[in-house]
Structure formats: structure tokens, C-alpha cells
């Protein structure tokens, strides 16, 4: 079981790195750096000169820098896919009789295979907003499953630590609410980003705040949900911290991290409105959201494994 949780941990970290790389690809405009899939301009290794392009491909679509950025993104995806496959195999070897580990590991493997195929749809659709949204949400679900496998396998190897959290009743339920809102926020944020790109092309003289105002409904809902998520996270985090009789360092750090991350998420969102929509801020805005989801999952998994939840209701 120790080898399983270590491989799952490596896969989780690698997936988080891939999410960050995906953000870089998006803001650099390299999403269509390779206009075909799984090859790149008809080659398994991207061309380094326009003379290497196949005759049926328009040379005006070739940008060597963007092509190699997208190629490295795909290569990273293959490596992560192999790591997740290895995690699923280890789950088959060591956790066949532990459904809470086995099925999430298999689910992560199957969704990763689907995500690979869906990557081809992203390219063929030329970055259609809905398709990109599905791609982003799937990435968060996959990393959540991997983190869940990591935690459950770890707790199987360290049973004493698994039951060493005494949290208020309802902790898992409230954290689930936060997780759901966070996923909705990612979906809204992806749609908002696509809208901003359209506004940037149509109204280049306007400010970022004016672009966001022109988009209308999605931007208002996204901002409202962002404030709501921050308020709820601080409230629930404080209730868990104050109401817990005992928490392991991992859970205490996860509760604290969730409050810090949601604060950073809100700050980066306000930067878009009042300063400018800077590419690297966009990258970190999405990546912070994925880390926030992970912190919530640690609290959720640990509260579910606690041997003796306190009889004090968190929402009381």
C-alpha cells in the first residue's frame, strides 16, 4: 500500500504541474500551435523550419515557438498519463478489496484516457469555449480523484493518524458545498475568459473593467460566487478550527491553506477588474483554484475518516 500512495502522490503533483503548463499554453496563445492531433503539422516531432511543413498545410499557420510550446504540453500530458496508469495498476494489485481506493484510481485512469481524446476535440473545435470548459473541469476532477486515492492509501498505511481528527459534525458536508461552488466557479471563469478574448479583439481601446462589464451576466455571477466562496471558506474554516478538539498537522494546514488560497483567488480576480488582465495572473488564477480544490479535498477525506466526530454541528 505504501508504494500505491507514493505513486498516487507523484501522479497528483505531476497533474498539478500539467494544469499549470496548460494555463501557460492558453495565455501564450499556443493552444493551436499544433493545428492537428496527435501529430503536429503532420509530424510526430514539430518542424523547426517552414521548409519541413507538409505541402497540404498552410505555412501562415506555422509558428515554431507556439508549436513547440504546445508539443511540450502534449508530451507532459503523455508522461502524466503514464503515471496515472501506473497508479491504477498498483491499485489493482494492492487495493482490489478496498473500493474507496480502487474505483477512484480506475476512474482517474479512464478519465485521463478520455481527457487525451478530448484534447483532440479541443484542437478540432479551435478552442470552442464549451469544449475548453469541459477540458478544464475534467482536469480538476482527475486531480481530485488522484488526491483522494493518495489520502486513502496513506491512511490505510497509517491507521492511527486516520482517526486522529476530531472535527465538528457537518464538516464534510460543508466542505462538499465549497467544492461544488469552486467547480462552478472554474466553469464560469473559463467562459468569462473566452468572453474577454472576444472583447479584446472587438474593443481593443477599452479597459479590462469595461470588457468585463460588456460581457454582463457571466462576469457578474462569477464575481458574486467568488465573494460568496471566500466568505463561506473563512466562516467554515474558522468554525472547523475553533470547533475541533484535535486536528492532525495535515488537516490544520489544509484548512489554513484553503483560506489563504481563496483570498489569493479573490485578489487576483480583483486585479483583472481594477488593474489589467495580465497573462501570468490568469495562469495563477486558475492554478490557485485547482490548489484550493485540493485543500478542500484533504479536509473532506480526513473528516470522513475521523473515528469520533464531535457532536457540535458546524452550522449551529
C-alpha atoms as a PDB file:
ATOM      1  CA  UNK A   1       0.000   0.000   0.000  1.00  0.00           C
ATOM      2  CA  UNK A   2       2.933   2.324   0.645  1.00  0.00           C
ATOM      3  CA  UNK A   3       4.030   2.105  -2.994  1.00  0.00           C
ATOM      4  CA  UNK A   4       0.472   2.942  -4.077  1.00  0.00           C
ATOM      5  CA  UNK A   5       0.135   6.132  -2.064  1.00  0.00           C
ATOM      6  CA  UNK A   6       3.591   7.276  -3.125  1.00  0.00           C
ATOM      7  CA  UNK A   7       2.803   6.723  -6.809  1.00  0.00           C
ATOM      8  CA  UNK A   8      -0.569   8.412  -6.362  1.00  0.00           C
ATOM      9  CA  UNK A   9       1.167  11.373  -4.719  1.00  0.00           C
ATOM     10  CA  UNK A  10       3.651  11.649  -7.603  1.00  0.00           C
ATOM     11  CA  UNK A  11       0.768  11.478 -10.081  1.00  0.00           C
ATOM     12  CA  UNK A  12      -1.126  14.181  -8.182  1.00  0.00           C
ATOM     13  CA  UNK A  13       1.849  16.537  -8.135  1.00  0.00           C
ATOM     14  CA  UNK A  14       2.550  15.873 -11.817  1.00  0.00           C
ATOM     15  CA  UNK A  15      -1.088  16.602 -12.681  1.00  0.00           C
ATOM     16  CA  UNK A  16      -0.932  19.909 -10.826  1.00  0.00           C
ATOM     17  CA  UNK A  17       2.191  20.799 -12.802  1.00  0.00           C
ATOM     18  CA  UNK A  18       0.385  19.866 -16.019  1.00  0.00           C
ATOM     19  CA  UNK A  19      -2.564  22.108 -15.090  1.00  0.00           C
ATOM     20  CA  UNK A  20      -0.094  24.973 -14.648  1.00  0.00           C
ATOM     21  CA  UNK A  21       1.547  24.207 -18.006  1.00  0.00           C
ATOM     22  CA  UNK A  22      -1.891  24.104 -19.618  1.00  0.00           C
ATOM     23  CA  UNK A  23      -2.558  27.582 -18.273  1.00  0.00           C
ATOM     24  CA  UNK A  24       0.691  28.827 -19.781  1.00  0.00           C
ATOM     25  CA  UNK A  25      -0.261  27.315 -23.121  1.00  0.00           C
ATOM     26  CA  UNK A  26      -3.624  29.033 -23.009  1.00  0.00           C
ATOM     27  CA  UNK A  27      -2.395  32.546 -22.213  1.00  0.00           C
ATOM     28  CA  UNK A  28       0.532  32.293 -24.651  1.00  0.00           C
ATOM     29  CA  UNK A  29      -1.899  31.573 -27.472  1.00  0.00           C
ATOM     30  CA  UNK A  30      -0.212  28.231 -28.157  1.00  0.00           C
ATOM     31  CA  UNK A  31      -3.416  26.198 -27.908  1.00  0.00           C
ATOM     32  CA  UNK A  32      -3.485  25.929 -31.694  1.00  0.00           C
ATOM     33  CA  UNK A  33       0.297  25.944 -32.052  1.00  0.00           C
ATOM     34  CA  UNK A  34      -0.166  22.456 -33.470  1.00  0.00           C
ATOM     35  CA  UNK A  35      -3.292  22.582 -35.657  1.00  0.00           C
ATOM     36  CA  UNK A  36      -3.634  18.794 -35.819  1.00  0.00           C
ATOM     37  CA  UNK A  37      -3.685  15.987 -33.233  1.00  0.00           C
ATOM     38  CA  UNK A  38      -1.919  13.789 -32.160  1.00  0.00           C
ATOM     39  CA  UNK A  39       0.720  14.896 -34.678  1.00  0.00           C
ATOM     40  CA  UNK A  40       1.976  18.459 -35.027  1.00  0.00           C
ATOM     41  CA  UNK A  41       1.843  19.747 -38.610  1.00  0.00           C
ATOM     42  CA  UNK A  42       1.690  16.128 -39.701  1.00  0.00           C
ATOM     43  CA  UNK A  43       4.884  15.211 -37.803  1.00  0.00           C
ATOM     44  CA  UNK A  44       5.482  13.389 -34.531  1.00  0.00           C
ATOM     45  CA  UNK A  45       8.193  15.957 -33.752  1.00  0.00           C
ATOM     46  CA  UNK A  46       7.278  19.571 -34.610  1.00  0.00           C
ATOM     47  CA  UNK A  47       9.056  21.187 -37.562  1.00  0.00           C
ATOM     48  CA  UNK A  48      11.846  23.645 -36.860  1.00  0.00           C
ATOM     49  CA  UNK A  49      11.616  25.382 -40.220  1.00  0.00           C
ATOM     50  CA  UNK A  50       8.845  26.246 -42.649  1.00  0.00           C
ATOM     51  CA  UNK A  51      10.523  24.064 -45.280  1.00  0.00           C
ATOM     52  CA  UNK A  52       9.641  20.989 -43.190  1.00  0.00           C
ATOM     53  CA  UNK A  53       5.886  21.596 -43.432  1.00  0.00           C
ATOM     54  CA  UNK A  54       3.805  19.081 -45.400  1.00  0.00           C
ATOM     55  CA  UNK A  55       2.588  20.504 -48.723  1.00  0.00           C
ATOM     56  CA  UNK A  56      -1.087  20.374 -47.697  1.00  0.00           C
ATOM     57  CA  UNK A  57      -0.613  22.709 -44.681  1.00  0.00           C
ATOM     58  CA  UNK A  58      -0.916  26.486 -44.924  1.00  0.00           C
ATOM     59  CA  UNK A  59       2.514  27.981 -43.995  1.00  0.00           C
ATOM     60  CA  UNK A  60       0.802  31.034 -42.457  1.00  0.00           C
ATOM     61  CA  UNK A  61      -0.399  28.844 -39.582  1.00  0.00           C
ATOM     62  CA  UNK A  62       3.139  27.878 -38.575  1.00  0.00           C
ATOM     63  CA  UNK A  63       4.815  29.495 -35.575  1.00  0.00           C
ATOM     64  CA  UNK A  64       7.754  27.434 -34.359  1.00  0.00           C
ATOM     65  CA  UNK A  65       7.685  28.804 -30.794  1.00  0.00           C
ATOM     66  CA  UNK A  66       3.967  28.165 -30.311  1.00  0.00           C
ATOM     67  CA  UNK A  67       4.224  24.745 -31.944  1.00  0.00           C
ATOM     68  CA  UNK A  68       6.936  23.621 -29.545  1.00  0.00           C
ATOM     69  CA  UNK A  69       5.105  25.024 -26.514  1.00  0.00           C
ATOM     70  CA  UNK A  70       2.019  23.012 -27.457  1.00  0.00           C
ATOM     71  CA  UNK A  71       4.163  19.962 -28.246  1.00  0.00           C
ATOM     72  CA  UNK A  72       5.825  20.077 -24.814  1.00  0.00           C
ATOM     73  CA  UNK A  73       2.373  20.387 -23.255  1.00  0.00           C
ATOM     74  CA  UNK A  74       1.275  17.246 -25.059  1.00  0.00           C
ATOM     75  CA  UNK A  75       4.483  15.444 -24.104  1.00  0.00           C
ATOM     76  CA  UNK A  76       3.899  16.367 -20.454  1.00  0.00           C
ATOM     77  CA  UNK A  77       0.359  15.031 -20.804  1.00  0.00           C
ATOM     78  CA  UNK A  78       1.681  11.682 -22.028  1.00  0.00           C
ATOM     79  CA  UNK A  79       4.063  11.430 -19.050  1.00  0.00           C
ATOM     80  CA  UNK A  80       1.280  12.275 -16.599  1.00  0.00           C
ATOM     81  CA  UNK A  81      -0.983   9.761 -18.325  1.00  0.00           C
ATOM     82  CA  UNK A  82       1.608   7.017 -17.815  1.00  0.00           C
ATOM     83  CA  UNK A  83       1.967   7.931 -14.134  1.00  0.00           C
ATOM     84  CA  UNK A  84      -1.792   7.764 -13.635  1.00  0.00           C
ATOM     85  CA  UNK A  85      -1.916   4.424 -15.470  1.00  0.00           C
ATOM     86  CA  UNK A  86       0.788   3.129 -13.105  1.00  0.00           C
ATOM     87  CA  UNK A  87      -1.318   4.320 -10.153  1.00  0.00           C
ATOM     88  CA  UNK A  88      -4.330   2.402 -11.493  1.00  0.00           C
ATOM     89  CA  UNK A  89      -2.217  -0.742 -11.937  1.00  0.00           C
ATOM     90  CA  UNK A  90      -0.914  -0.516  -8.358  1.00  0.00           C
ATOM     91  CA  UNK A  91      -4.482  -0.038  -7.142  1.00  0.00           C
ATOM     92  CA  UNK A  92      -5.414  -3.226  -8.999  1.00  0.00           C
ATOM     93  CA  UNK A  93      -2.533  -5.037  -7.291  1.00  0.00           C
ATOM     94  CA  UNK A  94      -2.952  -3.771  -3.737  1.00  0.00           C
ATOM     95  CA  UNK A  95      -6.438  -2.281  -3.313  1.00  0.00           C
ATOM     96  CA  UNK A  96      -8.875  -4.509  -5.189  1.00  0.00           C
ATOM     97  CA  UNK A  97     -10.720  -5.159  -1.924  1.00  0.00           C
ATOM     98  CA  UNK A  98     -10.746  -1.501  -0.912  1.00  0.00           C
ATOM     99  CA  UNK A  99     -13.419   0.150  -3.104  1.00  0.00           C
ATOM    100  CA  UNK A 100     -12.765   3.685  -1.827  1.00  0.00           C
ATOM    101  CA  UNK A 101      -9.240   3.406  -3.296  1.00  0.00           C
ATOM    102  CA  UNK A 102      -9.678   1.032  -6.213  1.00  0.00           C
ATOM    103  CA  UNK A 103     -12.571   2.698  -8.028  1.00  0.00           C
ATOM    104  CA  UNK A 104     -11.300   6.286  -7.809  1.00  0.00           C
ATOM    105  CA  UNK A 105      -7.923   5.105  -9.139  1.00  0.00           C
ATOM    106  CA  UNK A 106      -9.604   3.304 -12.037  1.00  0.00           C
ATOM    107  CA  UNK A 107     -11.852   6.320 -12.590  1.00  0.00           C
ATOM    108  CA  UNK A 108      -8.834   8.633 -12.765  1.00  0.00           C
ATOM    109  CA  UNK A 109      -7.227   6.324 -15.330  1.00  0.00           C
ATOM    110  CA  UNK A 110     -10.338   6.157 -17.512  1.00  0.00           C
ATOM    111  CA  UNK A 111     -10.955   9.911 -17.309  1.00  0.00           C
ATOM    112  CA  UNK A 112      -7.319  10.557 -18.230  1.00  0.00           C
ATOM    113  CA  UNK A 113      -7.737   8.436 -21.358  1.00  0.00           C
ATOM    114  CA  UNK A 114     -10.923  10.346 -22.164  1.00  0.00           C
ATOM    115  CA  UNK A 115      -9.131  13.632 -21.477  1.00  0.00           C
ATOM    116  CA  UNK A 116      -6.473  12.674 -24.008  1.00  0.00           C
ATOM    117  CA  UNK A 117      -9.143  12.094 -26.635  1.00  0.00           C
ATOM    118  CA  UNK A 118     -10.960  15.259 -25.613  1.00  0.00           C
ATOM    119  CA  UNK A 119      -7.727  17.157 -26.232  1.00  0.00           C
ATOM    120  CA  UNK A 120      -8.147  16.314 -29.911  1.00  0.00           C
ATOM    121  CA  UNK A 121     -11.665  17.752 -29.757  1.00  0.00           C
ATOM    122  CA  UNK A 122     -10.266  20.965 -28.267  1.00  0.00           C
ATOM    123  CA  UNK A 123      -7.973  21.295 -31.282  1.00  0.00           C
ATOM    124  CA  UNK A 124     -10.571  20.331 -33.912  1.00  0.00           C
ATOM    125  CA  UNK A 125     -13.088  22.766 -32.388  1.00  0.00           C
ATOM    126  CA  UNK A 126     -10.438  25.513 -32.497  1.00  0.00           C
ATOM    127  CA  UNK A 127     -10.751  26.176 -28.765  1.00  0.00           C
ATOM    128  CA  UNK A 128     -14.548  26.374 -28.617  1.00  0.00           C
ATOM    129  CA  UNK A 129     -15.498  27.824 -25.165  1.00  0.00           C
ATOM    130  CA  UNK A 130     -17.676  24.900 -24.056  1.00  0.00           C
ATOM    131  CA  UNK A 131     -15.076  22.315 -25.081  1.00  0.00           C
ATOM    132  CA  UNK A 132     -12.317  24.203 -23.230  1.00  0.00           C
ATOM    133  CA  UNK A 133     -14.576  24.403 -20.153  1.00  0.00           C
ATOM    134  CA  UNK A 134     -15.106  20.638 -20.183  1.00  0.00           C
ATOM    135  CA  UNK A 135     -11.340  20.136 -20.547  1.00  0.00           C
ATOM    136  CA  UNK A 136     -10.638  22.349 -17.503  1.00  0.00           C
ATOM    137  CA  UNK A 137     -13.303  20.746 -15.296  1.00  0.00           C
ATOM    138  CA  UNK A 138     -12.134  17.237 -16.210  1.00  0.00           C
ATOM    139  CA  UNK A 139      -8.610  18.166 -15.136  1.00  0.00           C
ATOM    140  CA  UNK A 140      -9.911  19.215 -11.700  1.00  0.00           C
ATOM    141  CA  UNK A 141     -11.950  16.019 -11.340  1.00  0.00           C
ATOM    142  CA  UNK A 142      -8.927  13.885 -12.260  1.00  0.00           C
ATOM    143  CA  UNK A 143      -6.611  15.632  -9.803  1.00  0.00           C
ATOM    144  CA  UNK A 144      -9.318  15.346  -7.124  1.00  0.00           C
ATOM    145  CA  UNK A 145      -9.592  11.592  -7.683  1.00  0.00           C
ATOM    146  CA  UNK A 146      -5.816  11.199  -7.535  1.00  0.00           C
ATOM    147  CA  UNK A 147      -5.583  13.198  -4.322  1.00  0.00           C
ATOM    148  CA  UNK A 148      -8.396  11.120  -2.841  1.00  0.00           C
ATOM    149  CA  UNK A 149      -6.511   7.901  -3.717  1.00  0.00           C
ATOM    150  CA  UNK A 150      -3.334   9.345  -2.202  1.00  0.00           C
ATOM    151  CA  UNK A 151      -5.060  10.223   1.072  1.00  0.00           C
ATOM    152  CA  UNK A 152      -6.994   6.968   1.389  1.00  0.00           C
ATOM    153  CA  UNK A 153      -3.937   4.829   0.613  1.00  0.00           C
ATOM    154  CA  UNK A 154      -1.886   6.891   3.071  1.00  0.00           C
ATOM    155  CA  UNK A 155      -4.472   6.458   5.802  1.00  0.00           C
ATOM    156  CA  UNK A 156      -4.596   2.712   5.119  1.00  0.00           C
ATOM    157  CA  UNK A 157      -0.852   2.655   5.811  1.00  0.00           C
ATOM    158  CA  UNK A 158      -1.211   4.952   8.854  1.00  0.00           C
ATOM    159  CA  UNK A 159      -4.498   3.910  10.524  1.00  0.00           C
ATOM    160  CA  UNK A 160      -3.722   5.703  13.796  1.00  0.00           C
ATOM    161  CA  UNK A 161      -3.405   9.047  12.011  1.00  0.00           C
ATOM    162  CA  UNK A 162      -6.606   8.428  10.061  1.00  0.00           C
ATOM    163  CA  UNK A 163      -8.688   8.528  13.229  1.00  0.00           C
ATOM    164  CA  UNK A 164      -6.774  11.291  14.974  1.00  0.00           C
ATOM    165  CA  UNK A 165      -9.063  14.100  13.811  1.00  0.00           C
ATOM    166  CA  UNK A 166     -11.980  15.175  15.993  1.00  0.00           C
ATOM    167  CA  UNK A 167     -13.946  17.611  13.879  1.00  0.00           C
ATOM    168  CA  UNK A 168     -17.418  19.139  14.273  1.00  0.00           C
ATOM    169  CA  UNK A 169     -20.354  17.283  12.739  1.00  0.00           C
ATOM    170  CA  UNK A 170     -21.194  18.507   9.270  1.00  0.00           C
ATOM    171  CA  UNK A 171     -17.603  19.355   8.372  1.00  0.00           C
ATOM    172  CA  UNK A 172     -17.616  17.012   5.369  1.00  0.00           C
ATOM    173  CA  UNK A 173     -20.994  18.275   4.193  1.00  0.00           C
ATOM    174  CA  UNK A 174     -19.995  21.934   4.315  1.00  0.00           C
ATOM    175  CA  UNK A 175     -16.678  21.276   2.603  1.00  0.00           C
ATOM    176  CA  UNK A 176     -18.578  19.441  -0.151  1.00  0.00           C
ATOM    177  CA  UNK A 177     -20.628  22.608  -0.695  1.00  0.00           C
ATOM    178  CA  UNK A 178     -17.426  24.631  -1.060  1.00  0.00           C
ATOM    179  CA  UNK A 179     -16.000  22.090  -3.516  1.00  0.00           C
ATOM    180  CA  UNK A 180     -19.149  22.267  -5.642  1.00  0.00           C
ATOM    181  CA  UNK A 181     -19.110  26.080  -5.721  1.00  0.00           C
ATOM    182  CA  UNK A 182     -15.421  26.005  -6.666  1.00  0.00           C
ATOM    183  CA  UNK A 183     -16.124  23.726  -9.654  1.00  0.00           C
ATOM    184  CA  UNK A 184     -18.938  26.037 -10.796  1.00  0.00           C
ATOM    185  CA  UNK A 185     -16.525  28.965 -10.438  1.00  0.00           C
ATOM    186  CA  UNK A 186     -13.995  27.280 -12.714  1.00  0.00           C
ATOM    187  CA  UNK A 187     -16.697  26.691 -15.333  1.00  0.00           C
ATOM    188  CA  UNK A 188     -17.839  30.311 -15.136  1.00  0.00           C
ATOM    189  CA  UNK A 189     -14.246  31.557 -15.167  1.00  0.00           C
ATOM    190  CA  UNK A 190     -13.446  29.613 -18.323  1.00  0.00           C
ATOM    191  CA  UNK A 191     -16.480  31.081 -20.065  1.00  0.00           C
ATOM    192  CA  UNK A 192     -15.545  34.561 -18.818  1.00  0.00           C
ATOM    193  CA  UNK A 193     -12.002  34.204 -20.149  1.00  0.00           C
ATOM    194  CA  UNK A 194     -13.324  33.308 -23.590  1.00  0.00           C
ATOM    195  CA  UNK A 195     -15.627  36.318 -23.481  1.00  0.00           C
ATOM    196  CA  UNK A 196     -12.745  38.612 -22.550  1.00  0.00           C
ATOM    197  CA  UNK A 197     -10.702  37.374 -25.501  1.00  0.00           C
ATOM    198  CA  UNK A 198     -13.600  38.188 -27.833  1.00  0.00           C
ATOM    199  CA  UNK A 199     -13.993  41.653 -26.290  1.00  0.00           C
ATOM    200  CA  UNK A 200     -10.249  42.299 -26.570  1.00  0.00           C
ATOM    201  CA  UNK A 201     -10.422  41.678 -30.316  1.00  0.00           C
ATOM    202  CA  UNK A 202     -13.604  43.704 -30.844  1.00  0.00           C
ATOM    203  CA  UNK A 203     -12.858  46.615 -28.489  1.00  0.00           C
ATOM    204  CA  UNK A 204      -9.059  46.932 -28.151  1.00  0.00           C
ATOM    205  CA  UNK A 205      -9.297  50.518 -26.844  1.00  0.00           C
ATOM    206  CA  UNK A 206     -11.402  49.601 -23.793  1.00  0.00           C
ATOM    207  CA  UNK A 207     -10.040  48.752 -20.338  1.00  0.00           C
ATOM    208  CA  UNK A 208     -10.252  45.328 -18.708  1.00  0.00           C
ATOM    209  CA  UNK A 209     -13.054  46.541 -16.426  1.00  0.00           C
ATOM    210  CA  UNK A 210     -15.032  47.741 -19.441  1.00  0.00           C
ATOM    211  CA  UNK A 211     -14.582  44.384 -21.211  1.00  0.00           C
ATOM    212  CA  UNK A 212     -15.880  42.597 -18.135  1.00  0.00           C
ATOM    213  CA  UNK A 213     -18.858  44.944 -17.850  1.00  0.00           C
ATOM    214  CA  UNK A 214     -19.733  44.398 -21.526  1.00  0.00           C
ATOM    215  CA  UNK A 215     -19.754  40.627 -21.056  1.00  0.00           C
ATOM    216  CA  UNK A 216     -22.511  41.075 -18.485  1.00  0.00           C
ATOM    217  CA  UNK A 217     -24.235  38.097 -16.852  1.00  0.00           C
ATOM    218  CA  UNK A 218     -21.403  35.562 -16.586  1.00  0.00           C
ATOM    219  CA  UNK A 219     -18.987  38.145 -15.173  1.00  0.00           C
ATOM    220  CA  UNK A 220     -21.472  39.311 -12.521  1.00  0.00           C
ATOM    221  CA  UNK A 221     -22.296  35.758 -11.440  1.00  0.00           C
ATOM    222  CA  UNK A 222     -18.605  34.835 -11.355  1.00  0.00           C
ATOM    223  CA  UNK A 223     -17.757  37.805  -9.146  1.00  0.00           C
ATOM    224  CA  UNK A 224     -20.722  37.150  -6.837  1.00  0.00           C
ATOM    225  CA  UNK A 225     -19.810  33.488  -6.465  1.00  0.00           C
ATOM    226  CA  UNK A 226     -16.184  34.448  -5.834  1.00  0.00           C
ATOM    227  CA  UNK A 227     -17.100  36.706  -2.928  1.00  0.00           C
ATOM    228  CA  UNK A 228     -19.564  34.111  -1.603  1.00  0.00           C
ATOM    229  CA  UNK A 229     -16.943  31.371  -1.809  1.00  0.00           C
ATOM    230  CA  UNK A 230     -14.390  33.495   0.061  1.00  0.00           C
ATOM    231  CA  UNK A 231     -16.857  34.383   2.837  1.00  0.00           C
ATOM    232  CA  UNK A 232     -18.046  30.788   3.249  1.00  0.00           C
ATOM    233  CA  UNK A 233     -14.490  29.438   3.231  1.00  0.00           C
ATOM    234  CA  UNK A 234     -13.373  31.794   6.014  1.00  0.00           C
ATOM    235  CA  UNK A 235     -16.509  31.092   8.042  1.00  0.00           C
ATOM    236  CA  UNK A 236     -16.331  27.301   7.679  1.00  0.00           C
ATOM    237  CA  UNK A 237     -12.555  27.250   8.171  1.00  0.00           C
ATOM    238  CA  UNK A 238     -12.827  29.191  11.420  1.00  0.00           C
ATOM    239  CA  UNK A 239     -15.714  27.005  12.635  1.00  0.00           C
ATOM    240  CA  UNK A 240     -13.715  23.839  11.968  1.00  0.00           C
ATOM    241  CA  UNK A 241     -10.551  25.240  13.576  1.00  0.00           C
ATOM    242  CA  UNK A 242     -12.334  26.505  16.669  1.00  0.00           C
ATOM    243  CA  UNK A 243     -14.724  23.576  16.995  1.00  0.00           C
ATOM    244  CA  UNK A 244     -12.200  20.781  16.509  1.00  0.00           C
ATOM    245  CA  UNK A 245     -10.981  19.009  19.609  1.00  0.00           C
ATOM    246  CA  UNK A 246      -7.907  17.825  17.728  1.00  0.00           C
ATOM    247  CA  UNK A 247      -6.575  18.028  14.171  1.00  0.00           C
ATOM    248  CA  UNK A 248      -3.515  16.450  12.633  1.00  0.00           C
ATOM    249  CA  UNK A 249      -0.964  18.889  11.162  1.00  0.00           C
ATOM    250  CA  UNK A 250      -2.044  17.885   7.634  1.00  0.00           C
ATOM    251  CA  UNK A 251      -5.672  18.828   8.212  1.00  0.00           C
ATOM    252  CA  UNK A 252      -4.817  22.011  10.112  1.00  0.00           C
ATOM    253  CA  UNK A 253      -2.547  23.107   7.256  1.00  0.00           C
ATOM    254  CA  UNK A 254      -5.211  22.228   4.676  1.00  0.00           C
ATOM    255  CA  UNK A 255      -7.833  24.328   6.487  1.00  0.00           C
ATOM    256  CA  UNK A 256      -5.399  27.247   6.674  1.00  0.00           C
ATOM    257  CA  UNK A 257      -4.320  26.785   3.061  1.00  0.00           C
ATOM    258  CA  UNK A 258      -7.926  26.838   1.836  1.00  0.00           C
ATOM    259  CA  UNK A 259      -8.474  30.241   3.471  1.00  0.00           C
ATOM    260  CA  UNK A 260      -5.207  31.656   2.109  1.00  0.00           C
ATOM    261  CA  UNK A 261      -5.827  30.303  -1.392  1.00  0.00           C
ATOM    262  CA  UNK A 262      -9.391  31.616  -1.631  1.00  0.00           C
ATOM    263  CA  UNK A 263      -8.088  35.019  -0.502  1.00  0.00           C
ATOM    264  CA  UNK A 264      -5.429  34.975  -3.220  1.00  0.00           C
ATOM    265  CA  UNK A 265      -8.055  33.873  -5.723  1.00  0.00           C
ATOM    266  CA  UNK A 266     -10.234  36.840  -4.848  1.00  0.00           C
ATOM    267  CA  UNK A 267      -7.271  39.231  -5.022  1.00  0.00           C
ATOM    268  CA  UNK A 268      -6.184  38.038  -8.479  1.00  0.00           C
ATOM    269  CA  UNK A 269      -9.780  38.353  -9.659  1.00  0.00           C
ATOM    270  CA  UNK A 270      -9.932  41.968  -8.453  1.00  0.00           C
ATOM    271  CA  UNK A 271      -6.630  42.651 -10.246  1.00  0.00           C
ATOM    272  CA  UNK A 272      -8.402  41.761 -13.500  1.00  0.00           C
ATOM    273  CA  UNK A 273     -11.089  44.360 -12.810  1.00  0.00           C
ATOM    274  CA  UNK A 274      -9.119  47.255 -11.361  1.00  0.00           C
ATOM    275  CA  UNK A 275      -5.635  46.847 -12.884  1.00  0.00           C
ATOM    276  CA  UNK A 276      -5.376  44.763 -16.042  1.00  0.00           C
ATOM    277  CA  UNK A 277      -5.825  41.235 -17.316  1.00  0.00           C
ATOM    278  CA  UNK A 278      -2.205  40.133 -17.223  1.00  0.00           C
ATOM    279  CA  UNK A 279      -1.391  36.704 -18.697  1.00  0.00           C
ATOM    280  CA  UNK A 280       0.580  35.337 -15.727  1.00  0.00           C
ATOM    281  CA  UNK A 281      -2.109  36.491 -13.310  1.00  0.00           C
ATOM    282  CA  UNK A 282      -4.587  34.494 -15.402  1.00  0.00           C
ATOM    283  CA  UNK A 283      -2.373  31.414 -15.121  1.00  0.00           C
ATOM    284  CA  UNK A 284      -2.116  31.668 -11.348  1.00  0.00           C
ATOM    285  CA  UNK A 285      -5.823  32.484 -11.007  1.00  0.00           C
ATOM    286  CA  UNK A 286      -6.750  29.079 -12.433  1.00  0.00           C
ATOM    287  CA  UNK A 287      -3.901  27.208 -10.749  1.00  0.00           C
ATOM    288  CA  UNK A 288      -4.778  28.644  -7.334  1.00  0.00           C
ATOM    289  CA  UNK A 289      -8.335  27.406  -7.896  1.00  0.00           C
ATOM    290  CA  UNK A 290      -7.039  23.868  -8.501  1.00  0.00           C
ATOM    291  CA  UNK A 291      -4.882  24.012  -5.350  1.00  0.00           C
ATOM    292  CA  UNK A 292      -7.886  25.290  -3.382  1.00  0.00           C
ATOM    293  CA  UNK A 293      -9.941  22.311  -4.567  1.00  0.00           C
ATOM    294  CA  UNK A 294      -7.145  20.020  -3.366  1.00  0.00           C
ATOM    295  CA  UNK A 295      -7.010  21.634   0.085  1.00  0.00           C
ATOM    296  CA  UNK A 296     -10.765  21.163   0.467  1.00  0.00           C
ATOM    297  CA  UNK A 297     -10.472  17.517  -0.506  1.00  0.00           C
ATOM    298  CA  UNK A 298      -7.872  16.890   2.204  1.00  0.00           C
ATOM    299  CA  UNK A 299     -10.251  18.279   4.835  1.00  0.00           C
ATOM    300  CA  UNK A 300     -13.162  16.301   3.388  1.00  0.00           C
ATOM    301  CA  UNK A 301     -11.296  12.979   3.227  1.00  0.00           C
ATOM    302  CA  UNK A 302      -9.912  13.412   6.735  1.00  0.00           C
ATOM    303  CA  UNK A 303     -13.280  14.303   8.236  1.00  0.00           C
ATOM    304  CA  UNK A 304     -14.802  11.210   6.640  1.00  0.00           C
ATOM    305  CA  UNK A 305     -12.089   9.015   8.175  1.00  0.00           C
ATOM    306  CA  UNK A 306     -12.309  10.557  11.654  1.00  0.00           C
ATOM    307  CA  UNK A 307     -13.248   7.953  14.244  1.00  0.00           C
ATOM    308  CA  UNK A 308     -15.126  10.279  16.549  1.00  0.00           C
ATOM    309  CA  UNK A 309     -16.647  13.453  15.080  1.00  0.00           C
ATOM    310  CA  UNK A 310     -17.668  15.977  17.693  1.00  0.00           C
ATOM    311  CA  UNK A 311     -21.362  16.279  18.449  1.00  0.00           C
ATOM    312  CA  UNK A 312     -21.241  20.036  17.842  1.00  0.00           C
ATOM    313  CA  UNK A 313     -22.843  20.865  14.486  1.00  0.00           C
ATOM    314  CA  UNK A 314     -20.664  23.179  12.400  1.00  0.00           C
ATOM    315  CA  UNK A 315     -23.625  25.188  11.178  1.00  0.00           C
ATOM    316  CA  UNK A 316     -25.182  25.559  14.633  1.00  0.00           C
END
